[in-house]
Amino acid sequence: MFKILAQINKVILPSFTKQRLDLAKAKKWQMAIIGYRYYVTSRALD
């Protein structure tokens, strides 16, 4: 389930690393997306 969700996130959600976003200057909604993508990706790799 998490592997499919990770693929959907890759297509739909923005990639902040490609935009060179500084995590210290990220807004709360950007941090929430980063945290969500991290959670899904880490579960998909298990």
N, C-alpha and C. Protein backbone atom coordinates (compact mmCIF):
# COMPACT_ATOMS: atom_id res chain seq x y z
N MET A 1 0.82 -1.20 0.00
CA MET A 1 0.00 0.00 0.00
C MET A 1 0.87 1.27 0.00
N PHE A 2 1.91 1.27 0.82
CA PHE A 2 2.75 2.46 0.90
C PHE A 2 3.57 2.67 -0.38
N LYS A 3 3.89 1.60 -1.09
CA LYS A 3 4.64 1.75 -2.34
C LYS A 3 3.80 2.47 -3.38
N ILE A 4 2.53 2.13 -3.45
CA ILE A 4 1.63 2.80 -4.40
C ILE A 4 1.45 4.26 -3.99
N LEU A 5 1.28 4.48 -2.69
CA LEU A 5 1.11 5.85 -2.19
C LEU A 5 2.35 6.69 -2.45
N ALA A 6 3.53 6.09 -2.33
CA ALA A 6 4.78 6.81 -2.60
C ALA A 6 4.88 7.21 -4.07
N GLN A 7 4.44 6.34 -4.97
CA GLN A 7 4.46 6.67 -6.39
C GLN A 7 3.49 7.79 -6.71
N ILE A 8 2.32 7.77 -6.09
CA ILE A 8 1.34 8.85 -6.29
C ILE A 8 1.89 10.17 -5.77
N ASN A 9 2.54 10.14 -4.60
CA ASN A 9 3.12 11.35 -4.03
C ASN A 9 4.21 11.93 -4.93
N LYS A 10 4.97 11.05 -5.55
CA LYS A 10 6.06 11.50 -6.44
C LYS A 10 5.51 12.28 -7.62
N VAL A 11 4.34 11.88 -8.10
CA VAL A 11 3.74 12.54 -9.25
C VAL A 11 3.02 13.82 -8.84
N ILE A 12 2.29 13.78 -7.74
CA ILE A 12 1.39 14.88 -7.38
C ILE A 12 2.08 15.97 -6.56
N LEU A 13 2.78 15.58 -5.51
CA LEU A 13 3.35 16.57 -4.59
C LEU A 13 4.63 17.18 -5.13
N PRO A 14 4.91 18.43 -4.80
CA PRO A 14 6.13 19.07 -5.30
C PRO A 14 7.38 18.52 -4.62
N SER A 15 8.48 18.54 -5.33
CA SER A 15 9.76 18.12 -4.78
C SER A 15 10.53 19.37 -4.36
N PHE A 16 10.70 19.53 -3.07
CA PHE A 16 11.38 20.72 -2.57
C PHE A 16 12.89 20.62 -2.70
N THR A 17 13.43 19.42 -2.85
CA THR A 17 14.87 19.30 -3.05
C THR A 17 15.26 19.78 -4.44
N LYS A 18 14.41 19.56 -5.42
CA LYS A 18 14.69 20.06 -6.76
C LYS A 18 14.59 21.58 -6.82
N GLN A 19 13.78 22.15 -5.93
CA GLN A 19 13.62 23.61 -5.88
C GLN A 19 14.66 24.25 -4.97
N ARG A 20 15.53 23.41 -4.39
CA ARG A 20 16.59 23.89 -3.48
C ARG A 20 16.03 24.69 -2.30
N LEU A 21 15.01 24.13 -1.66
CA LEU A 21 14.39 24.78 -0.51
C LEU A 21 15.27 24.59 0.72
N ASP A 22 15.51 25.68 1.42
CA ASP A 22 16.26 25.63 2.67
C ASP A 22 15.28 25.23 3.78
N LEU A 23 15.57 24.14 4.48
CA LEU A 23 14.65 23.66 5.51
C LEU A 23 14.49 24.65 6.66
N ALA A 24 15.50 25.44 6.91
CA ALA A 24 15.41 26.43 7.99
C ALA A 24 14.43 27.55 7.63
N LYS A 25 14.22 27.78 6.34
CA LYS A 25 13.33 28.86 5.90
C LYS A 25 11.99 28.34 5.38
N ALA A 26 11.75 27.03 5.50
CA ALA A 26 10.52 26.45 4.98
C ALA A 26 9.32 26.86 5.83
N LYS A 27 8.20 27.02 5.17
CA LYS A 27 6.96 27.36 5.86
C LYS A 27 6.37 26.10 6.48
N LYS A 28 5.39 26.28 7.35
CA LYS A 28 4.81 25.14 8.06
C LYS A 28 4.16 24.15 7.11
N TRP A 29 3.47 24.63 6.07
CA TRP A 29 2.82 23.70 5.15
C TRP A 29 3.84 22.93 4.33
N GLN A 30 4.99 23.57 4.05
CA GLN A 30 6.04 22.87 3.33
C GLN A 30 6.69 21.80 4.22
N MET A 31 6.86 22.11 5.49
CA MET A 31 7.40 21.13 6.42
C MET A 31 6.45 19.96 6.60
N ALA A 32 5.15 20.23 6.58
CA ALA A 32 4.16 19.16 6.70
C ALA A 32 4.23 18.22 5.50
N ILE A 33 4.39 18.77 4.30
CA ILE A 33 4.51 17.94 3.10
C ILE A 33 5.80 17.13 3.15
N ILE A 34 6.88 17.74 3.59
CA ILE A 34 8.16 17.03 3.70
C ILE A 34 8.05 15.88 4.69
N GLY A 35 7.43 16.14 5.83
CA GLY A 35 7.25 15.10 6.83
C GLY A 35 6.37 13.97 6.35
N TYR A 36 5.30 14.32 5.65
CA TYR A 36 4.39 13.31 5.10
C TYR A 36 5.10 12.44 4.07
N ARG A 37 5.85 13.08 3.17
CA ARG A 37 6.57 12.31 2.15
C ARG A 37 7.64 11.43 2.78
N TYR A 38 8.30 11.92 3.81
CA TYR A 38 9.30 11.12 4.51
C TYR A 38 8.66 9.89 5.16
N TYR A 39 7.51 10.08 5.82
CA TYR A 39 6.81 8.98 6.48
C TYR A 39 6.40 7.91 5.47
N VAL A 40 5.80 8.33 4.37
CA VAL A 40 5.35 7.36 3.37
C VAL A 40 6.52 6.65 2.71
N THR A 41 7.57 7.39 2.40
CA THR A 41 8.74 6.78 1.75
C THR A 41 9.43 5.78 2.67
N SER A 42 9.58 6.14 3.95
CA SER A 42 10.24 5.22 4.87
C SER A 42 9.41 3.95 5.09
N ARG A 43 8.10 4.06 5.07
CA ARG A 43 7.24 2.87 5.20
C ARG A 43 7.25 2.04 3.91
N ALA A 44 7.41 2.68 2.78
CA ALA A 44 7.43 1.95 1.51
C ALA A 44 8.72 1.15 1.36
N LEU A 45 9.80 1.59 1.98
CA LEU A 45 11.07 0.89 1.86
C LEU A 45 11.17 -0.33 2.76
N ASP A 46 10.31 -0.43 3.75
CA ASP A 46 10.33 -1.59 4.67
C ASP A 46 9.80 -2.84 4.05
